C-alpha atoms as a PDB file:
ATOM      1  CA  MET A   1     -28.380 -14.442   5.072  1.00  0.00           C
ATOM      2  CA  THR A   2     -30.725 -11.858   6.542  1.00  0.00           C
ATOM      3  CA  ASN A   3     -29.831 -10.301   9.876  1.00  0.00           C
ATOM      4  CA  ARG A   4     -26.095 -10.726   9.297  1.00  0.00           C
ATOM      5  CA  THR A   5     -24.380  -7.643  10.682  1.00  0.00           C
ATOM      6  CA  VAL A   6     -21.367  -6.019   9.053  1.00  0.00           C
ATOM      7  CA  VAL A   7     -19.637  -3.136  10.819  1.00  0.00           C
ATOM      8  CA  ILE A   8     -17.329  -0.582   9.224  1.00  0.00           C
ATOM      9  CA  THR A   9     -14.990  -0.129  12.175  1.00  0.00           C
ATOM     10  CA  GLU A  10     -13.530   3.233  11.133  1.00  0.00           C
ATOM     11  CA  CYS A  11     -12.859   4.913   7.840  1.00  0.00           C
ATOM     12  CA  ASP A  12     -11.810   8.297   6.469  1.00  0.00           C
ATOM     13  CA  HIS A  13     -14.044   7.982   3.393  1.00  0.00           C
ATOM     14  CA  ASP A  14     -16.614  10.748   3.015  1.00  0.00           C
ATOM     15  CA  ALA A  15     -19.475   8.651   1.621  1.00  0.00           C
ATOM     16  CA  PHE A  16     -20.657   5.044   1.775  1.00  0.00           C
ATOM     17  CA  GLU A  17     -23.085   4.630  -1.114  1.00  0.00           C
ATOM     18  CA  PRO A  18     -21.244   1.621  -2.637  1.00  0.00           C
ATOM     19  CA  GLU A  19     -21.314  -0.286   0.661  1.00  0.00           C
ATOM     20  CA  ILE A  20     -24.944   0.652   1.313  1.00  0.00           C
ATOM     21  CA  THR A  21     -25.897  -0.621  -2.146  1.00  0.00           C
ATOM     22  CA  VAL A  22     -24.077  -3.945  -1.711  1.00  0.00           C
ATOM     23  CA  ALA A  23     -25.535  -4.413   1.767  1.00  0.00           C
ATOM     24  CA  ALA A  24     -29.053  -3.947   0.411  1.00  0.00           C
ATOM     25  CA  GLU A  25     -28.400  -6.363  -2.459  1.00  0.00           C
ATOM     26  CA  ARG A  26     -27.004  -9.024  -0.125  1.00  0.00           C
ATOM     27  CA  GLY A  27     -29.498  -8.641   2.716  1.00  0.00           C
ATOM     28  CA  LEU A  28     -26.947  -7.374   5.224  1.00  0.00           C
ATOM     29  CA  GLU A  29     -27.348  -4.978   8.106  1.00  0.00           C
ATOM     30  CA  LEU A  30     -24.580  -2.388   7.675  1.00  0.00           C
ATOM     31  CA  ARG A  31     -23.424  -0.233  10.570  1.00  0.00           C
ATOM     32  CA  ILE A  32     -20.900   2.556  10.154  1.00  0.00           C
ATOM     33  CA  GLU A  33     -18.770   3.458  13.165  1.00  0.00           C
ATOM     34  CA  GLN A  34     -15.768   5.681  13.788  1.00  0.00           C
ATOM     35  CA  SER A  35     -14.121   3.576  16.452  1.00  0.00           C
ATOM     36  CA  THR A  36     -11.229   4.713  18.572  1.00  0.00           C
ATOM     37  CA  PRO A  37      -9.030   1.834  19.790  1.00  0.00           C
ATOM     38  CA  GLU A  38     -10.873   1.988  23.112  1.00  0.00           C
ATOM     39  CA  MET A  39     -14.282   1.751  21.419  1.00  0.00           C
ATOM     40  CA  LEU A  40     -13.397  -0.912  18.860  1.00  0.00           C
ATOM     41  CA  VAL A  41     -14.286  -4.104  20.733  1.00  0.00           C
ATOM     42  CA  GLY A  42     -17.584  -2.737  21.974  1.00  0.00           C
ATOM     43  CA  ASN A  43     -18.573  -1.557  18.510  1.00  0.00           C
ATOM     44  CA  ILE A  44     -18.041  -4.941  16.842  1.00  0.00           C
ATOM     45  CA  ARG A  45     -19.255  -7.221  19.631  1.00  0.00           C
ATOM     46  CA  ASP A  46     -22.254  -8.416  17.581  1.00  0.00           C
ATOM     47  CA  ALA A  47     -20.596  -8.300  14.155  1.00  0.00           C
ATOM     48  CA  ASP A  48     -20.552 -11.212  11.725  1.00  0.00           C
ATOM     49  CA  GLY A  49     -18.189  -9.290   9.468  1.00  0.00           C
ATOM     50  CA  ILE A  50     -16.140  -6.108   9.687  1.00  0.00           C
ATOM     51  CA  LEU A  51     -14.561  -3.723   7.208  1.00  0.00           C
ATOM     52  CA  VAL A  52     -11.369  -2.041   8.415  1.00  0.00           C
ATOM     53  CA  GLN A  53      -9.092   0.687   7.152  1.00  0.00           C
ATOM     54  CA  TYR A  54      -6.549   1.569   9.841  1.00  0.00           C
ATOM     55  CA  ALA A  55      -7.772  -0.307  12.940  1.00  0.00           C
ATOM     56  CA  GLN A  56      -5.440  -2.884  14.461  1.00  0.00           C
ATOM     57  CA  ILE A  57      -7.362  -6.160  14.512  1.00  0.00           C
ATOM     58  CA  THR A  58      -5.571  -8.250  17.116  1.00  0.00           C
ATOM     59  CA  ALA A  59      -6.415 -11.608  18.656  1.00  0.00           C
ATOM     60  CA  GLU A  60      -7.902  -9.751  21.624  1.00  0.00           C
ATOM     61  CA  VAL A  61     -10.180  -7.745  19.336  1.00  0.00           C
ATOM     62  CA  MET A  62     -11.329 -10.923  17.571  1.00  0.00           C
ATOM     63  CA  ASP A  63     -12.064 -12.640  20.874  1.00  0.00           C
ATOM     64  CA  GLY A  64     -14.384  -9.769  21.732  1.00  0.00           C
ATOM     65  CA  ALA A  65     -16.541 -10.541  18.686  1.00  0.00           C
ATOM     66  CA  PRO A  66     -17.657 -14.187  19.024  1.00  0.00           C
ATOM     67  CA  ASN A  67     -19.782 -14.140  15.851  1.00  0.00           C
ATOM     68  CA  LEU A  68     -17.022 -12.728  13.660  1.00  0.00           C
ATOM     69  CA  ARG A  69     -16.431 -14.765  10.501  1.00  0.00           C
ATOM     70  CA  ALA A  70     -14.960 -12.295   8.019  1.00  0.00           C
ATOM     71  CA  ILE A  71     -12.610  -9.304   8.042  1.00  0.00           C
ATOM     72  CA  GLY A  72     -12.450  -7.164   4.910  1.00  0.00           C
ATOM     73  CA  ARG A  73      -9.492  -4.815   4.557  1.00  0.00           C
ATOM     74  CA  TYR A  74      -9.989  -1.663   2.506  1.00  0.00           C
ATOM     75  CA  GLY A  75      -6.976  -1.961   0.203  1.00  0.00           C
ATOM     76  CA  VAL A  76      -4.094  -4.291  -0.524  1.00  0.00           C
ATOM     77  CA  GLY A  77      -2.015  -4.518   2.644  1.00  0.00           C
ATOM     78  CA  VAL A  78      -3.234  -6.556   5.593  1.00  0.00           C
ATOM     79  CA  ASP A  79      -0.454  -5.726   8.056  1.00  0.00           C
ATOM     80  CA  THR A  80      -3.036  -4.304  10.493  1.00  0.00           C
ATOM     81  CA  VAL A  81      -4.702  -7.719  10.890  1.00  0.00           C
ATOM     82  CA  ASP A  82      -3.258 -10.647  12.866  1.00  0.00           C
ATOM     83  CA  ILE A  83      -3.674 -13.214  10.086  1.00  0.00           C
ATOM     84  CA  ASP A  84      -2.553 -16.210  12.150  1.00  0.00           C
ATOM     85  CA  ALA A  85      -4.996 -15.355  14.920  1.00  0.00           C
ATOM     86  CA  ALA A  86      -7.815 -14.969  12.405  1.00  0.00           C
ATOM     87  CA  THR A  87      -7.060 -18.327  10.795  1.00  0.00           C
ATOM     88  CA  ALA A  88      -6.942 -20.092  14.154  1.00  0.00           C
ATOM     89  CA  ARG A  89     -10.374 -18.701  14.989  1.00  0.00           C
ATOM     90  CA  GLY A  90     -11.939 -19.584  11.663  1.00  0.00           C
ATOM     91  CA  ILE A  91     -12.140 -15.970  10.504  1.00  0.00           C
ATOM     92  CA  ALA A  92     -11.578 -15.283   6.807  1.00  0.00           C
ATOM     93  CA  VAL A  93      -9.528 -12.227   5.851  1.00  0.00           C
ATOM     94  CA  THR A  94     -10.160 -10.613   2.481  1.00  0.00           C
ATOM     95  CA  ASN A  95      -8.604  -7.693   0.643  1.00  0.00           C
ATOM     96  CA  VAL A  96      -8.714  -6.038  -2.781  1.00  0.00           C
ATOM     97  CA  PRO A  97      -5.211  -6.497  -4.204  1.00  0.00           C
ATOM     98  CA  ASP A  98      -5.890  -5.358  -7.759  1.00  0.00           C
ATOM     99  CA  TYR A  99      -8.236  -2.394  -7.428  1.00  0.00           C
ATOM    100  CA  GLY A 100      -5.583   0.336  -7.523  1.00  0.00           C
ATOM    101  CA  THR A 101      -2.950  -1.048  -9.876  1.00  0.00           C
ATOM    102  CA  GLU A 102      -3.167   1.788 -12.386  1.00  0.00           C
ATOM    103  CA  ALA A 103      -3.714   4.508  -9.788  1.00  0.00           C
ATOM    104  CA  VAL A 104      -0.745   3.566  -7.594  1.00  0.00           C
ATOM    105  CA  SER A 105       1.604   3.003 -10.524  1.00  0.00           C
ATOM    106  CA  ASP A 106       0.534   6.365 -11.999  1.00  0.00           C
ATOM    107  CA  HIS A 107       1.339   8.009  -8.676  1.00  0.00           C
ATOM    108  CA  ALA A 108       4.752   6.350  -8.451  1.00  0.00           C
ATOM    109  CA  ILE A 109       5.613   7.595 -11.930  1.00  0.00           C
ATOM    110  CA  GLY A 110       4.263  11.042 -11.070  1.00  0.00           C
ATOM    111  CA  LEU A 111       6.523  11.280  -8.025  1.00  0.00           C
ATOM    112  CA  ALA A 112       9.522  10.096 -10.042  1.00  0.00           C
ATOM    113  CA  VAL A 113       8.946  12.590 -12.852  1.00  0.00           C
ATOM    114  CA  SER A 114       8.281  15.498 -10.493  1.00  0.00           C
ATOM    115  CA  LEU A 115      11.599  14.815  -8.759  1.00  0.00           C
ATOM    116  CA  ALA A 116      13.475  14.325 -12.027  1.00  0.00           C
ATOM    117  CA  ARG A 117      12.296  17.724 -13.270  1.00  0.00           C
ATOM    118  CA  GLY A 118      12.517  19.520  -9.932  1.00  0.00           C
ATOM    119  CA  ILE A 119       8.898  20.601 -10.310  1.00  0.00           C
ATOM    120  CA  PRO A 120       7.872  20.964  -6.636  1.00  0.00           C
ATOM    121  CA  LEU A 121      10.939  23.020  -5.718  1.00  0.00           C
ATOM    122  CA  LEU A 122      10.641  25.238  -8.791  1.00  0.00           C
ATOM    123  CA  ASP A 123       6.955  25.797  -8.098  1.00  0.00           C
ATOM    124  CA  ARG A 124       7.578  26.781  -4.479  1.00  0.00           C
ATOM    125  CA  SER A 125      10.469  29.091  -5.346  1.00  0.00           C
ATOM    126  CA  LEU A 126       8.546  30.820  -8.135  1.00  0.00           C
ATOM    127  CA  ARG A 127       5.591  31.474  -5.824  1.00  0.00           C
ATOM    128  CA  ALA A 128       8.069  32.929  -3.317  1.00  0.00           C
ATOM    129  CA  GLY A 129       9.394  35.351  -5.940  1.00  0.00           C
ATOM    130  CA  THR A 130      12.516  33.543  -7.189  1.00  0.00           C
ATOM    131  CA  TYR A 131      12.603  32.936 -10.962  1.00  0.00           C
ATOM    132  CA  ASP A 132      15.633  30.653 -11.257  1.00  0.00           C
ATOM    133  CA  VAL A 133      15.977  27.128 -12.669  1.00  0.00           C
ATOM    134  CA  ASN A 134      19.353  26.747 -10.971  1.00  0.00           C
ATOM    135  CA  LEU A 135      17.662  26.103  -7.640  1.00  0.00           C
ATOM    136  CA  ALA A 136      16.544  22.683  -8.857  1.00  0.00           C
ATOM    137  CA  LYS A 137      19.832  21.510 -10.354  1.00  0.00           C
ATOM    138  CA  PRO A 138      20.828  18.827 -11.086  1.00  0.00           C
ATOM    139  CA  ILE A 139      17.867  18.078 -13.368  1.00  0.00           C
ATOM    140  CA  PHE A 140      18.018  14.806 -15.289  1.00  0.00           C
ATOM    141  CA  GLY A 141      16.216  13.539 -18.341  1.00  0.00           C
ATOM    142  CA  MET A 142      14.558  10.164 -18.122  1.00  0.00           C
ATOM    143  CA  ARG A 143      15.918   8.437 -21.195  1.00  0.00           C
ATOM    144  CA  ASP A 144      18.493   5.763 -20.390  1.00  0.00           C
ATOM    145  CA  ARG A 145      18.471   6.384 -16.650  1.00  0.00           C
ATOM    146  CA  VAL A 146      18.024   3.218 -14.607  1.00  0.00           C
ATOM    147  CA  PHE A 147      14.615   2.735 -13.017  1.00  0.00           C
ATOM    148  CA  GLY A 148      14.637  -0.035 -10.409  1.00  0.00           C
ATOM    149  CA  VAL A 149      11.449  -1.721  -9.257  1.00  0.00           C
ATOM    150  CA  LEU A 150      11.459  -3.471  -5.883  1.00  0.00           C
ATOM    151  CA  GLY A 151       8.600  -5.980  -6.003  1.00  0.00           C
ATOM    152  CA  LEU A 152       7.233  -7.269  -9.297  1.00  0.00           C
ATOM    153  CA  GLY A 153       3.599  -7.873  -8.481  1.00  0.00           C
ATOM    154  CA  LEU A 154       0.715  -6.161 -10.235  1.00  0.00           C
ATOM    155  CA  ILE A 155       1.615  -2.614  -9.203  1.00  0.00           C
ATOM    156  CA  GLY A 156       5.368  -3.027  -9.610  1.00  0.00           C
ATOM    157  CA  THR A 157       4.898  -4.504 -13.070  1.00  0.00           C
ATOM    158  CA  ALA A 158       2.558  -1.683 -14.104  1.00  0.00           C
ATOM    159  CA  THR A 159       5.067   0.877 -12.826  1.00  0.00           C
ATOM    160  CA  ALA A 160       7.854  -0.817 -14.780  1.00  0.00           C
ATOM    161  CA  ARG A 161       5.769  -0.752 -17.963  1.00  0.00           C
ATOM    162  CA  LYS A 162       5.097   2.969 -17.610  1.00  0.00           C
ATOM    163  CA  ALA A 163       8.722   3.757 -16.753  1.00  0.00           C
ATOM    164  CA  ALA A 164       9.911   1.904 -19.845  1.00  0.00           C
ATOM    165  CA  GLY A 165       7.479   3.946 -21.926  1.00  0.00           C
ATOM    166  CA  LEU A 166       9.193   7.117 -20.714  1.00  0.00           C
ATOM    167  CA  GLY A 167      12.583   5.857 -21.835  1.00  0.00           C
ATOM    168  CA  TYR A 168      13.976   4.529 -18.579  1.00  0.00           C
ATOM    169  CA  GLU A 169      16.094   1.380 -18.550  1.00  0.00           C
ATOM    170  CA  VAL A 170      14.060  -0.818 -16.208  1.00  0.00           C
ATOM    171  CA  ILE A 171      15.426  -3.472 -13.866  1.00  0.00           C
ATOM    172  CA  GLY A 172      13.631  -5.278 -11.074  1.00  0.00           C
ATOM    173  CA  TYR A 173      13.958  -7.502  -8.052  1.00  0.00           C
ATOM    174  CA  ASP A 174      11.412  -9.785  -6.448  1.00  0.00           C
ATOM    175  CA  SER A 175      11.907 -12.461  -3.803  1.00  0.00           C
ATOM    176  CA  SER A 176      10.690 -15.048  -6.314  1.00  0.00           C
ATOM    177  CA  THR A 177      13.168 -14.138  -9.069  1.00  0.00           C
ATOM    178  CA  THR A 178      16.772 -14.990  -9.869  1.00  0.00           C
ATOM    179  CA  PRO A 179      19.292 -12.520 -11.299  1.00  0.00           C
ATOM    180  CA  GLY A 180      19.700 -12.584 -15.052  1.00  0.00           C
ATOM    181  CA  GLY A 181      16.174 -13.714 -15.770  1.00  0.00           C
ATOM    182  CA  ARG A 182      12.986 -11.949 -16.723  1.00  0.00           C
ATOM    183  CA  LYS A 183       9.663 -11.614 -14.944  1.00  0.00           C
ATOM    184  CA  ASN A 184       6.703 -10.017 -16.670  1.00  0.00           C
ATOM    185  CA  GLY A 185       9.148  -8.808 -19.317  1.00  0.00           C
ATOM    186  CA  ILE A 186      11.388  -7.076 -16.762  1.00  0.00           C
ATOM    187  CA  GLN A 187      15.122  -7.770 -16.483  1.00  0.00           C
ATOM    188  CA  THR A 188      15.728  -9.176 -12.994  1.00  0.00           C
ATOM    189  CA  VAL A 189      18.783  -8.483 -10.857  1.00  0.00           C
ATOM    190  CA  SER A 190      19.880  -9.227  -7.310  1.00  0.00           C
ATOM    191  CA  PHE A 191      18.656  -7.050  -4.458  1.00  0.00           C
ATOM    192  CA  GLU A 192      22.161  -5.658  -4.026  1.00  0.00           C
ATOM    193  CA  ASP A 193      22.446  -4.773  -7.720  1.00  0.00           C
ATOM    194  CA  LEU A 194      19.052  -3.113  -7.650  1.00  0.00           C
ATOM    195  CA  ILE A 195      20.117  -0.918  -4.743  1.00  0.00           C
ATOM    196  CA  GLU A 196      23.481  -0.017  -6.271  1.00  0.00           C
ATOM    197  CA  ARG A 197      22.379   0.579  -9.886  1.00  0.00           C
ATOM    198  CA  SER A 198      19.005   2.286  -9.590  1.00  0.00           C
ATOM    199  CA  GLN A 199      18.805   6.005 -10.260  1.00  0.00           C
ATOM    200  CA  VAL A 200      15.127   5.769  -9.438  1.00  0.00           C
ATOM    201  CA  LEU A 201      14.170   3.072  -6.935  1.00  0.00           C
ATOM    202  CA  SER A 202      10.424   2.476  -6.685  1.00  0.00           C
ATOM    203  CA  VAL A 203       9.197   0.329  -3.784  1.00  0.00           C
ATOM    204  CA  HIS A 204       6.272  -2.066  -4.371  1.00  0.00           C
ATOM    205  CA  VAL A 205       6.520  -4.850  -1.779  1.00  0.00           C
ATOM    206  CA  PRO A 206       4.025  -5.597   1.008  1.00  0.00           C
ATOM    207  CA  LEU A 207       4.891  -4.841   4.614  1.00  0.00           C
ATOM    208  CA  THR A 208       5.769  -8.105   6.357  1.00  0.00           C
ATOM    209  CA  ASP A 209       8.188  -9.144   9.074  1.00  0.00           C
ATOM    210  CA  GLU A 210      10.721  -9.781   6.306  1.00  0.00           C
ATOM    211  CA  THR A 211      10.300  -6.416   4.558  1.00  0.00           C
ATOM    212  CA  ARG A 212       9.996  -4.156   7.600  1.00  0.00           C
ATOM    213  CA  GLY A 213      13.052  -1.908   7.530  1.00  0.00           C
ATOM    214  CA  LEU A 214      14.214  -3.492   4.268  1.00  0.00           C
ATOM    215  CA  ILE A 215      15.627  -0.141   3.150  1.00  0.00           C
ATOM    216  CA  GLY A 216      17.757   1.116   6.014  1.00  0.00           C
ATOM    217  CA  ALA A 217      20.968   3.054   6.529  1.00  0.00           C
ATOM    218  CA  LYS A 218      23.111   0.351   4.897  1.00  0.00           C
ATOM    219  CA  GLU A 219      21.008   0.205   1.741  1.00  0.00           C
ATOM    220  CA  LEU A 220      20.696   3.983   1.455  1.00  0.00           C
ATOM    221  CA  ALA A 221      24.473   4.351   1.788  1.00  0.00           C
ATOM    222  CA  ALA A 222      24.918   1.848  -1.050  1.00  0.00           C
ATOM    223  CA  MET A 223      22.680   3.812  -3.427  1.00  0.00           C
ATOM    224  CA  ARG A 224      23.987   6.236  -6.020  1.00  0.00           C
ATOM    225  CA  ASP A 225      24.259   9.845  -4.917  1.00  0.00           C
ATOM    226  CA  ASP A 226      22.130  10.868  -7.914  1.00  0.00           C
ATOM    227  CA  ALA A 227      19.359   8.408  -7.010  1.00  0.00           C
ATOM    228  CA  VAL A 228      15.841   9.091  -5.809  1.00  0.00           C
ATOM    229  CA  ILE A 229      13.645   6.658  -3.925  1.00  0.00           C
ATOM    230  CA  ILE A 230       9.880   6.376  -4.343  1.00  0.00           C
ATOM    231  CA  ASN A 231       7.567   4.669  -1.848  1.00  0.00           C
ATOM    232  CA  THR A 232       3.905   4.064  -2.653  1.00  0.00           C
ATOM    233  CA  ALA A 233       3.804   0.728  -0.787  1.00  0.00           C
ATOM    234  CA  ARG A 234       4.024   0.892   3.021  1.00  0.00           C
ATOM    235  CA  GLY A 235       5.853   3.274   5.324  1.00  0.00           C
ATOM    236  CA  GLY A 236       7.598   0.672   7.436  1.00  0.00           C
ATOM    237  CA  ILE A 237       9.566  -0.720   4.507  1.00  0.00           C
ATOM    238  CA  ILE A 238      11.904   2.287   4.581  1.00  0.00           C
ATOM    239  CA  ASP A 239      13.579   3.376   7.812  1.00  0.00           C
ATOM    240  CA  THR A 240      12.407   6.992   7.871  1.00  0.00           C
ATOM    241  CA  ASP A 241      15.090   8.225  10.272  1.00  0.00           C
ATOM    242  CA  ALA A 242      17.793   6.715   8.070  1.00  0.00           C
ATOM    243  CA  LEU A 243      16.148   8.234   5.001  1.00  0.00           C
ATOM    244  CA  VAL A 244      16.156  11.710   6.534  1.00  0.00           C
ATOM    245  CA  GLU A 245      19.859  11.391   7.335  1.00  0.00           C
ATOM    246  CA  ALA A 246      20.679  10.136   3.835  1.00  0.00           C
ATOM    247  CA  LEU A 247      18.802  13.048   2.265  1.00  0.00           C
ATOM    248  CA  ARG A 248      20.437  15.605   4.550  1.00  0.00           C
ATOM    249  CA  ASP A 249      23.916  14.194   3.963  1.00  0.00           C
ATOM    250  CA  GLY A 250      23.552  13.955   0.186  1.00  0.00           C
ATOM    251  CA  ASP A 251      23.855  10.174   0.109  1.00  0.00           C
ATOM    252  CA  ILE A 252      20.863  10.192  -2.247  1.00  0.00           C
ATOM    253  CA  LEU A 253      19.377  13.020  -4.276  1.00  0.00           C
ATOM    254  CA  GLY A 254      15.720  12.930  -3.311  1.00  0.00           C
ATOM    255  CA  ALA A 255      12.637  10.992  -2.289  1.00  0.00           C
ATOM    256  CA  GLY A 256       8.962  10.803  -3.166  1.00  0.00           C
ATOM    257  CA  ILE A 257       7.016   9.339  -0.253  1.00  0.00           C
ATOM    258  CA  ASP A 258       3.302   8.559  -0.196  1.00  0.00           C
ATOM    259  CA  CYS A 259       3.297   6.015   2.665  1.00  0.00           C
ATOM    260  CA  HIS A 260       4.643   6.930   6.072  1.00  0.00           C
ATOM    261  CA  GLU A 261       5.695   5.007   9.163  1.00  0.00           C
ATOM    262  CA  GLN A 262       3.448   7.293  11.186  1.00  0.00           C
ATOM    263  CA  GLU A 263       0.121   8.189   9.611  1.00  0.00           C
ATOM    264  CA  PRO A 264      -1.002  10.908   9.524  1.00  0.00           C
ATOM    265  CA  LEU A 265       2.536  12.259   9.146  1.00  0.00           C
ATOM    266  CA  PRO A 266       3.068  15.059  11.699  1.00  0.00           C
ATOM    267  CA  ALA A 267       3.662  18.449  10.081  1.00  0.00           C
ATOM    268  CA  THR A 268       6.683  18.830  12.363  1.00  0.00           C
ATOM    269  CA  HIS A 269       8.347  15.614  11.185  1.00  0.00           C
ATOM    270  CA  PRO A 270      11.952  16.285  10.018  1.00  0.00           C
ATOM    271  CA  ILE A 271      11.272  14.864   6.558  1.00  0.00           C
ATOM    272  CA  ALA A 272       8.678  17.587   5.947  1.00  0.00           C
ATOM    273  CA  ALA A 273      11.375  20.270   6.212  1.00  0.00           C
ATOM    274  CA  LEU A 274      13.499  18.896   3.357  1.00  0.00           C
ATOM    275  CA  ASP A 275      13.382  20.555  -0.071  1.00  0.00           C
ATOM    276  CA  ASN A 276      14.481  17.398  -1.894  1.00  0.00           C
ATOM    277  CA  VAL A 277      11.397  15.429  -0.864  1.00  0.00           C
ATOM    278  CA  VAL A 278       7.907  15.246  -2.334  1.00  0.00           C
ATOM    279  CA  LEU A 279       5.297  14.090   0.182  1.00  0.00           C
ATOM    280  CA  THR A 280       1.720  12.972  -0.371  1.00  0.00           C
ATOM    281  CA  PRO A 281      -0.795  11.753   2.262  1.00  0.00           C
ATOM    282  CA  HIS A 282      -1.157   8.053   1.354  1.00  0.00           C
ATOM    283  CA  ALA A 283      -3.096   9.185  -1.705  1.00  0.00           C
ATOM    284  CA  ALA A 284      -1.646   6.946  -4.430  1.00  0.00           C
ATOM    285  CA  TRP A 285      -4.590   4.553  -4.350  1.00  0.00           C
ATOM    286  CA  TYR A 286      -7.202   7.173  -5.124  1.00  0.00           C
ATOM    287  CA  THR A 287      -9.054   7.869  -8.342  1.00  0.00           C
ATOM    288  CA  GLU A 288     -12.797   8.322  -8.645  1.00  0.00           C
ATOM    289  CA  GLN A 289     -13.002   4.886 -10.273  1.00  0.00           C
ATOM    290  CA  SER A 290     -10.733   3.057  -7.831  1.00  0.00           C
ATOM    291  CA  TYR A 291     -12.485   4.606  -4.823  1.00  0.00           C
ATOM    292  CA  THR A 292     -15.867   3.178  -5.794  1.00  0.00           C
ATOM    293  CA  GLU A 293     -14.415  -0.182  -6.806  1.00  0.00           C
ATOM    294  CA  LEU A 294     -12.515  -0.534  -3.532  1.00  0.00           C
ATOM    295  CA  LYS A 295     -15.542   0.149  -1.388  1.00  0.00           C
ATOM    296  CA  ARG A 296     -17.849  -2.151  -3.323  1.00  0.00           C
ATOM    297  CA  ARG A 297     -15.444  -5.074  -3.554  1.00  0.00           C
ATOM    298  CA  THR A 298     -14.364  -4.908   0.091  1.00  0.00           C
ATOM    299  CA  LEU A 299     -17.918  -5.518   1.248  1.00  0.00           C
ATOM    300  CA  GLU A 300     -18.570  -8.063  -1.511  1.00  0.00           C
ATOM    301  CA  GLY A 301     -15.694 -10.196  -0.209  1.00  0.00           C
ATOM    302  CA  VAL A 302     -17.110 -10.232   3.308  1.00  0.00           C
ATOM    303  CA  ALA A 303     -20.627 -10.866   1.984  1.00  0.00           C
ATOM    304  CA  ASP A 304     -19.388 -13.879   0.014  1.00  0.00           C
ATOM    305  CA  VAL A 305     -17.919 -15.428   3.162  1.00  0.00           C
ATOM    306  CA  LEU A 306     -21.106 -14.862   5.121  1.00  0.00           C
ATOM    307  CA  ALA A 307     -23.078 -16.481   2.292  1.00  0.00           C
ATOM    308  CA  GLY A 308     -20.901 -19.601   2.426  1.00  0.00           C
ATOM    309  CA  ARG A 309     -18.937 -18.816  -0.725  1.00  0.00           C
ATOM    310  CA  ARG A 310     -15.208 -18.498  -1.220  1.00  0.00           C
ATOM    311  CA  PRO A 311     -14.393 -14.811  -1.756  1.00  0.00           C
ATOM    312  CA  ARG A 312     -12.511 -13.597  -4.791  1.00  0.00           C
ATOM    313  CA  ASN A 313      -9.488 -12.554  -2.733  1.00  0.00           C
ATOM    314  CA  LEU A 314      -8.870 -14.705   0.341  1.00  0.00           C
ATOM    315  CA  VAL A 315      -5.716 -13.744   2.217  1.00  0.00           C
ATOM    316  CA  ASN A 316      -5.682 -16.833   4.465  1.00  0.00           C
ATOM    317  CA  PRO A 317      -6.861 -19.817   2.378  1.00  0.00           C
ATOM    318  CA  GLU A 318      -5.810 -22.125   5.231  1.00  0.00           C
ATOM    319  CA  VAL A 319      -8.957 -20.962   7.025  1.00  0.00           C
ATOM    320  CA  LEU A 320     -10.985 -23.158   4.669  1.00  0.00           C
ATOM    321  CA  GLU A 321      -9.724 -26.157   6.659  1.00  0.00           C
ATOM    322  CA  HIS A 322     -11.375 -24.809   9.800  1.00  0.00           C
ATOM    323  CA  PRO A 323     -14.648 -26.540  10.739  1.00  0.00           C
ATOM    324  CA  ARG A 324     -16.525 -23.260  10.303  1.00  0.00           C
ATOM    325  CA  PHE A 325     -15.660 -23.347   6.596  1.00  0.00           C
ATOM    326  CA  ALA A 326     -16.438 -26.923   5.615  1.00  0.00           C
ATOM    327  CA  THR A 327     -19.107 -25.768   3.146  1.00  0.00           C
ATOM    328  CA  VAL A 328     -16.874 -23.147   1.572  1.00  0.00           C
ATOM    329  CA  ALA A 329     -13.978 -25.611   1.262  1.00  0.00           C
ATOM    330  CA  ALA A 330     -16.228 -28.092  -0.525  1.00  0.00           C
ATOM    331  CA  GLN A 331     -17.218 -25.419  -3.060  1.00  0.00           C
ATOM    332  CA  SER A 332     -13.707 -24.119  -3.745  1.00  0.00           C
END
């Protein structure tokens, strides 16, 4: 496995010790780049594997790297990678779907609680010289309010567990569930009921063609006027323009948004001017522990593919049927 080259295409991390350690253990040559879209193909031309954070890995990009066999995505979502194109070319795509379960669910709960108590607005007003709780009214307690979870995977389930511990009545919807049942101990309802009943709606679905724009003007209009919406999943799931209008018009009470349709979010974006919104810079995934785990496991997945082993988290298992993966398929 010596002389295999893995390229970090671009990344906003400030250190790479976990990747350097794994590369040394696995006999890989690791190269760290900060590729612009124009530089991307040239920087990975000789790569056997790549690690990506924000870069768009299209069929054209893959065709510019003839040795490419593995793409590792820093994180859970793989919407920046053309999965079908990768599979057709015999390129495995890996991710780390369970590294940030506790961190992201903590962040979702933190956004919900900060909105429920009016903490950001009260903090800003106090610093500006106004000592008045009335600015943040209405303020609601958590007990017996309805906390809706959209998407009951690992993170959604963890968020539901924590919300229940605070006294919320928890309901959930997932594309694999039927109303009136239970999944992971959570009462399941229809999508429409979730939208209409939730006083806190926390979004935990991946960004796909089916979920892009899932929460738009129609859904926001159907929500309660005392509801808040939390998004720690992906920006494109909520129509941001529709959300801004709903918040301005009082159709919903507030929003806590960590993931944005445009990242970085421009400081001049209309949503940044609203007092009933808490914004964070796609930070929900981060803790000291999750940061190290993410970096190590992303490279380990790519290294496994290059060593002829099935990785722990393979996004496109169909790739094992490709002739390039006959050995891996036989071992799986």
